[in-house]
Amino acid sequence: MTEPATEPTVERRDDRHRYEILVAGERAGLTAFRDRGEQRVFYHTEIDDAFAGRGLAAQLVGQALADVRAQGKRIVPVCPYVAKYLTKHDEFADITDPVTPDVLSWLRERKAA
């Protein structure tokens, strides 16, 4: 019998517009996005209370942003956590676009649909 992985893993779930972090096969949190052309607009990140305090949000966002780079996309950090992460990780500065009123309007329309 195979034991579930104990190391957290991050999966991109395009069907749900989010990345999920799994601990022992259980979803511990997510960071949600919408794609706007070549931009991946991150708008919400959460870690379930049962998994708080383990650094999972940083691991989740770090791997999600690395995946954005690997896909040749750009980051738009509407989510406050993603924006804060980027202030400490300038290795993503070259692929980060500013949050503009146009992006926010576009995102409101997508989330309402």
N, C-alpha and C. Protein backbone atom coordinates (compact mmCIF):
# COMPACT_ATOMS: atom_id res chain seq x y z
N MET A 1 0.83 -1.17 0.00
CA MET A 1 0.00 0.00 0.00
C MET A 1 0.89 1.25 0.00
N THR A 2 0.54 2.23 -0.81
CA THR A 2 1.32 3.45 -0.93
C THR A 2 0.84 4.48 0.10
N GLU A 3 1.79 5.04 0.82
CA GLU A 3 1.47 6.11 1.77
C GLU A 3 1.30 7.42 1.01
N PRO A 4 0.35 8.29 1.43
CA PRO A 4 0.25 9.59 0.79
C PRO A 4 1.54 10.39 1.03
N ALA A 5 1.87 11.22 0.07
CA ALA A 5 3.07 12.05 0.19
C ALA A 5 2.93 12.96 1.41
N THR A 6 3.99 13.03 2.22
CA THR A 6 3.93 13.90 3.38
C THR A 6 4.45 15.30 3.05
N GLU A 7 5.27 15.41 2.04
CA GLU A 7 5.74 16.72 1.61
C GLU A 7 4.61 17.41 0.85
N PRO A 8 4.38 18.68 1.12
CA PRO A 8 3.32 19.39 0.39
C PRO A 8 3.62 19.40 -1.12
N THR A 9 2.58 19.28 -1.90
CA THR A 9 2.70 19.35 -3.35
C THR A 9 1.75 20.42 -3.87
N VAL A 10 2.14 21.07 -4.96
CA VAL A 10 1.32 22.11 -5.57
C VAL A 10 0.88 21.62 -6.94
N GLU A 11 -0.41 21.78 -7.21
CA GLU A 11 -0.97 21.38 -8.49
C GLU A 11 -1.72 22.55 -9.11
N ARG A 12 -1.55 22.74 -10.42
CA ARG A 12 -2.34 23.74 -11.14
C ARG A 12 -3.64 23.09 -11.57
N ARG A 13 -4.75 23.71 -11.24
CA ARG A 13 -6.08 23.21 -11.61
C ARG A 13 -6.72 24.22 -12.55
N ASP A 14 -6.42 24.10 -13.83
CA ASP A 14 -6.95 25.04 -14.82
C ASP A 14 -8.47 25.04 -14.84
N ASP A 15 -9.08 23.86 -14.61
CA ASP A 15 -10.54 23.77 -14.63
C ASP A 15 -11.19 24.58 -13.51
N ARG A 16 -10.43 24.86 -12.47
CA ARG A 16 -10.94 25.64 -11.33
C ARG A 16 -10.26 26.99 -11.21
N HIS A 17 -9.39 27.33 -12.14
CA HIS A 17 -8.67 28.61 -12.14
C HIS A 17 -7.91 28.83 -10.84
N ARG A 18 -7.15 27.83 -10.44
CA ARG A 18 -6.39 27.98 -9.21
C ARG A 18 -5.26 26.96 -9.13
N TYR A 19 -4.34 27.26 -8.22
CA TYR A 19 -3.31 26.31 -7.81
C TYR A 19 -3.74 25.83 -6.42
N GLU A 20 -3.55 24.55 -6.15
CA GLU A 20 -3.88 24.00 -4.84
C GLU A 20 -2.61 23.42 -4.23
N ILE A 21 -2.50 23.55 -2.91
CA ILE A 21 -1.42 22.89 -2.20
C ILE A 21 -2.03 21.75 -1.40
N LEU A 22 -1.42 20.57 -1.57
CA LEU A 22 -1.93 19.36 -0.93
C LEU A 22 -0.93 18.87 0.11
N VAL A 23 -1.45 18.46 1.25
CA VAL A 23 -0.63 17.87 2.31
C VAL A 23 -1.22 16.49 2.59
N ALA A 24 -0.42 15.46 2.37
CA ALA A 24 -0.88 14.07 2.54
C ALA A 24 -2.16 13.83 1.75
N GLY A 25 -2.22 14.42 0.55
CA GLY A 25 -3.36 14.22 -0.33
C GLY A 25 -4.56 15.10 -0.04
N GLU A 26 -4.52 15.87 1.03
CA GLU A 26 -5.63 16.73 1.40
C GLU A 26 -5.34 18.17 0.99
N ARG A 27 -6.35 18.82 0.38
CA ARG A 27 -6.14 20.21 -0.03
C ARG A 27 -6.01 21.08 1.22
N ALA A 28 -4.90 21.78 1.31
CA ALA A 28 -4.61 22.64 2.46
C ALA A 28 -4.84 24.11 2.14
N GLY A 29 -4.86 24.45 0.86
CA GLY A 29 -5.06 25.85 0.50
C GLY A 29 -5.05 26.02 -1.00
N LEU A 30 -5.23 27.28 -1.41
CA LEU A 30 -5.28 27.57 -2.84
C LEU A 30 -4.90 29.02 -3.10
N THR A 31 -4.52 29.28 -4.34
CA THR A 31 -4.39 30.64 -4.83
C THR A 31 -5.13 30.68 -6.16
N ALA A 32 -6.10 31.60 -6.25
CA ALA A 32 -7.00 31.67 -7.40
C ALA A 32 -6.50 32.69 -8.42
N PHE A 33 -6.77 32.39 -9.69
CA PHE A 33 -6.33 33.27 -10.77
C PHE A 33 -7.33 33.26 -11.91
N ARG A 34 -7.17 34.24 -12.77
CA ARG A 34 -7.84 34.28 -14.07
C ARG A 34 -6.78 34.70 -15.08
N ASP A 35 -6.84 34.12 -16.26
CA ASP A 35 -5.90 34.50 -17.31
C ASP A 35 -6.50 35.59 -18.18
N ARG A 36 -5.68 36.61 -18.41
CA ARG A 36 -6.05 37.76 -19.25
C ARG A 36 -4.98 37.87 -20.32
N GLY A 37 -5.20 37.19 -21.43
CA GLY A 37 -4.16 37.14 -22.45
C GLY A 37 -2.94 36.46 -21.89
N GLU A 38 -1.81 37.13 -21.93
CA GLU A 38 -0.55 36.58 -21.41
C GLU A 38 -0.35 36.86 -19.93
N GLN A 39 -1.34 37.46 -19.30
CA GLN A 39 -1.24 37.77 -17.87
C GLN A 39 -2.03 36.75 -17.05
N ARG A 40 -1.45 36.32 -15.96
CA ARG A 40 -2.16 35.50 -14.99
C ARG A 40 -2.44 36.42 -13.79
N VAL A 41 -3.70 36.73 -13.59
CA VAL A 41 -4.14 37.67 -12.56
C VAL A 41 -4.50 36.88 -11.30
N PHE A 42 -3.68 37.00 -10.27
CA PHE A 42 -3.93 36.33 -8.99
C PHE A 42 -4.78 37.25 -8.13
N TYR A 43 -5.92 36.72 -7.63
CA TYR A 43 -6.82 37.58 -6.87
C TYR A 43 -7.18 37.07 -5.47
N HIS A 44 -6.80 35.86 -5.11
CA HIS A 44 -7.14 35.37 -3.76
C HIS A 44 -6.24 34.20 -3.39
N THR A 45 -5.75 34.22 -2.15
CA THR A 45 -4.96 33.11 -1.62
C THR A 45 -5.48 32.79 -0.23
N GLU A 46 -5.61 31.50 0.07
CA GLU A 46 -6.05 31.10 1.41
C GLU A 46 -5.42 29.75 1.79
N ILE A 47 -5.17 29.61 3.08
CA ILE A 47 -4.72 28.35 3.66
C ILE A 47 -5.74 27.99 4.73
N ASP A 48 -6.20 26.74 4.71
CA ASP A 48 -7.17 26.29 5.70
C ASP A 48 -6.56 26.41 7.10
N ASP A 49 -7.40 26.78 8.07
CA ASP A 49 -6.93 26.97 9.45
C ASP A 49 -6.16 25.77 10.00
N ALA A 50 -6.58 24.57 9.64
CA ALA A 50 -5.92 23.36 10.15
C ALA A 50 -4.47 23.26 9.70
N PHE A 51 -4.09 24.02 8.66
CA PHE A 51 -2.74 23.95 8.11
C PHE A 51 -1.96 25.25 8.30
N ALA A 52 -2.50 26.18 9.06
CA ALA A 52 -1.88 27.49 9.26
C ALA A 52 -0.54 27.36 9.98
N GLY A 53 0.34 28.32 9.74
CA GLY A 53 1.59 28.41 10.46
C GLY A 53 2.70 27.48 9.98
N ARG A 54 2.53 26.88 8.82
CA ARG A 54 3.53 25.95 8.30
C ARG A 54 4.29 26.49 7.10
N GLY A 55 4.02 27.74 6.74
CA GLY A 55 4.69 28.31 5.57
C GLY A 55 4.13 27.82 4.25
N LEU A 56 2.94 27.26 4.28
CA LEU A 56 2.37 26.69 3.05
C LEU A 56 1.99 27.75 2.03
N ALA A 57 1.53 28.91 2.50
CA ALA A 57 1.15 29.96 1.55
C ALA A 57 2.35 30.40 0.72
N ALA A 58 3.49 30.57 1.36
CA ALA A 58 4.70 30.97 0.63
C ALA A 58 5.12 29.89 -0.36
N GLN A 59 5.04 28.63 0.06
CA GLN A 59 5.40 27.53 -0.84
C GLN A 59 4.44 27.49 -2.03
N LEU A 60 3.15 27.63 -1.76
CA LEU A 60 2.13 27.61 -2.80
C LEU A 60 2.35 28.73 -3.81
N VAL A 61 2.48 29.94 -3.32
CA VAL A 61 2.63 31.09 -4.22
C VAL A 61 3.96 31.02 -4.96
N GLY A 62 5.02 30.64 -4.29
CA GLY A 62 6.32 30.52 -4.96
C GLY A 62 6.28 29.55 -6.13
N GLN A 63 5.67 28.40 -5.92
CA GLN A 63 5.59 27.42 -7.00
C GLN A 63 4.62 27.86 -8.09
N ALA A 64 3.55 28.53 -7.71
CA ALA A 64 2.61 29.04 -8.71
C ALA A 64 3.29 30.08 -9.61
N LEU A 65 4.05 30.99 -9.00
CA LEU A 65 4.72 32.02 -9.79
C LEU A 65 5.81 31.42 -10.67
N ALA A 66 6.50 30.40 -10.18
CA ALA A 66 7.49 29.71 -11.01
C ALA A 66 6.81 29.04 -12.21
N ASP A 67 5.61 28.51 -12.01
CA ASP A 67 4.86 27.91 -13.10
C ASP A 67 4.44 28.97 -14.12
N VAL A 68 4.05 30.14 -13.64
CA VAL A 68 3.70 31.24 -14.55
C VAL A 68 4.89 31.56 -15.44
N ARG A 69 6.07 31.66 -14.84
CA ARG A 69 7.29 31.92 -15.62
C ARG A 69 7.51 30.82 -16.66
N ALA A 70 7.38 29.58 -16.24
CA ALA A 70 7.63 28.44 -17.13
C ALA A 70 6.66 28.43 -18.31
N GLN A 71 5.47 28.98 -18.11
CA GLN A 71 4.48 29.06 -19.18
C GLN A 71 4.66 30.28 -20.07
N GLY A 72 5.61 31.15 -19.73
CA GLY A 72 5.83 32.35 -20.53
C GLY A 72 4.79 33.43 -20.30
N LYS A 73 4.11 33.36 -19.16
CA LYS A 73 3.08 34.36 -18.84
C LYS A 73 3.65 35.42 -17.91
N ARG A 74 2.81 36.40 -17.58
CA ARG A 74 3.16 37.48 -16.69
C ARG A 74 2.24 37.45 -15.47
N ILE A 75 2.69 38.03 -14.37
CA ILE A 75 1.97 38.03 -13.10
C ILE A 75 1.33 39.38 -12.87
N VAL A 76 0.05 39.37 -12.44
CA VAL A 76 -0.61 40.59 -11.97
C VAL A 76 -1.10 40.27 -10.55
N PRO A 77 -0.49 40.90 -9.52
CA PRO A 77 -0.77 40.54 -8.13
C PRO A 77 -1.91 41.34 -7.48
N VAL A 78 -3.15 41.05 -7.84
CA VAL A 78 -4.29 41.69 -7.19
C VAL A 78 -4.41 41.19 -5.75
N CYS A 79 -4.16 39.92 -5.53
CA CYS A 79 -4.20 39.32 -4.19
C CYS A 79 -3.15 39.97 -3.29
N PRO A 80 -3.56 40.47 -2.11
CA PRO A 80 -2.59 41.10 -1.21
C PRO A 80 -1.44 40.17 -0.81
N TYR A 81 -1.71 38.88 -0.63
CA TYR A 81 -0.63 37.97 -0.24
C TYR A 81 0.39 37.83 -1.37
N VAL A 82 -0.09 37.67 -2.60
CA VAL A 82 0.83 37.55 -3.73
C VAL A 82 1.64 38.84 -3.88
N ALA A 83 0.98 39.99 -3.72
CA ALA A 83 1.70 41.27 -3.81
C ALA A 83 2.79 41.36 -2.75
N LYS A 84 2.47 40.95 -1.52
CA LYS A 84 3.46 40.98 -0.43
C LYS A 84 4.61 40.01 -0.72
N TYR A 85 4.28 38.83 -1.21
CA TYR A 85 5.30 37.84 -1.55
C TYR A 85 6.28 38.43 -2.56
N LEU A 86 5.75 39.13 -3.55
CA LEU A 86 6.60 39.70 -4.60
C LEU A 86 7.53 40.79 -4.08
N THR A 87 7.16 41.47 -2.99
CA THR A 87 8.06 42.49 -2.44
C THR A 87 9.31 41.86 -1.84
N LYS A 88 9.22 40.57 -1.49
CA LYS A 88 10.36 39.87 -0.89
C LYS A 88 11.08 38.95 -1.87
N HIS A 89 10.53 38.81 -3.07
CA HIS A 89 11.08 37.88 -4.06
C HIS A 89 11.20 38.59 -5.40
N ASP A 90 12.25 39.39 -5.51
CA ASP A 90 12.41 40.19 -6.72
C ASP A 90 12.82 39.38 -7.95
N GLU A 91 12.99 38.07 -7.79
CA GLU A 91 13.31 37.25 -8.95
C GLU A 91 12.13 37.16 -9.94
N PHE A 92 10.95 37.65 -9.51
CA PHE A 92 9.80 37.67 -10.41
C PHE A 92 9.48 39.07 -10.93
N ALA A 93 10.30 40.06 -10.57
CA ALA A 93 10.03 41.45 -10.96
C ALA A 93 9.95 41.62 -12.48
N ASP A 94 10.75 40.86 -13.21
CA ASP A 94 10.78 41.00 -14.67
C ASP A 94 9.52 40.49 -15.36
N ILE A 95 8.68 39.73 -14.64
CA ILE A 95 7.44 39.24 -15.26
C ILE A 95 6.19 39.71 -14.49
N THR A 96 6.36 40.75 -13.68
CA THR A 96 5.24 41.28 -12.91
C THR A 96 4.73 42.57 -13.53
N ASP A 97 3.41 42.62 -13.75
CA ASP A 97 2.75 43.81 -14.27
C ASP A 97 1.98 44.49 -13.15
N PRO A 98 1.79 45.80 -13.25
CA PRO A 98 1.06 46.51 -12.20
C PRO A 98 -0.44 46.20 -12.22
N VAL A 99 -1.05 46.35 -11.07
CA VAL A 99 -2.50 46.25 -10.97
C VAL A 99 -3.06 47.60 -11.39
N THR A 100 -3.85 47.62 -12.45
CA THR A 100 -4.42 48.86 -12.98
C THR A 100 -5.94 48.84 -12.84
N PRO A 101 -6.59 50.01 -12.92
CA PRO A 101 -8.05 50.03 -12.90
C PRO A 101 -8.66 49.15 -14.00
N ASP A 102 -8.01 49.10 -15.16
CA ASP A 102 -8.50 48.27 -16.25
C ASP A 102 -8.49 46.79 -15.87
N VAL A 103 -7.42 46.34 -15.23
CA VAL A 103 -7.32 44.94 -14.79
C VAL A 103 -8.40 44.66 -13.74
N LEU A 104 -8.59 45.57 -12.79
CA LEU A 104 -9.58 45.36 -11.73
C LEU A 104 -10.99 45.29 -12.30
N SER A 105 -11.30 46.14 -13.26
CA SER A 105 -12.61 46.12 -13.91
C SER A 105 -12.81 44.80 -14.66
N TRP A 106 -11.79 44.41 -15.40
CA TRP A 106 -11.83 43.14 -16.14
C TRP A 106 -12.06 41.97 -15.17
N LEU A 107 -11.35 41.96 -14.03
CA LEU A 107 -11.46 40.88 -13.06
C LEU A 107 -12.86 40.84 -12.45
N ARG A 108 -13.42 41.99 -12.11
CA ARG A 108 -14.78 42.03 -11.55
C ARG A 108 -15.77 41.39 -12.51
N GLU A 109 -15.62 41.67 -13.79
CA GLU A 109 -16.52 41.09 -14.81
C GLU A 109 -16.36 39.56 -14.84
N ARG A 110 -15.15 39.05 -14.79
CA ARG A 110 -14.91 37.62 -14.84
C ARG A 110 -15.45 36.90 -13.62
N LYS A 111 -15.24 37.50 -12.46
CA LYS A 111 -15.69 36.87 -11.21
C LYS A 111 -17.21 36.89 -11.10
N ALA A 112 -17.86 37.86 -11.71
CA ALA A 112 -19.33 37.94 -11.67
C ALA A 112 -19.98 36.92 -12.59
N ALA A 113 -19.24 36.49 -13.60
CA ALA A 113 -19.80 35.55 -14.59
C ALA A 113 -19.93 34.16 -14.04
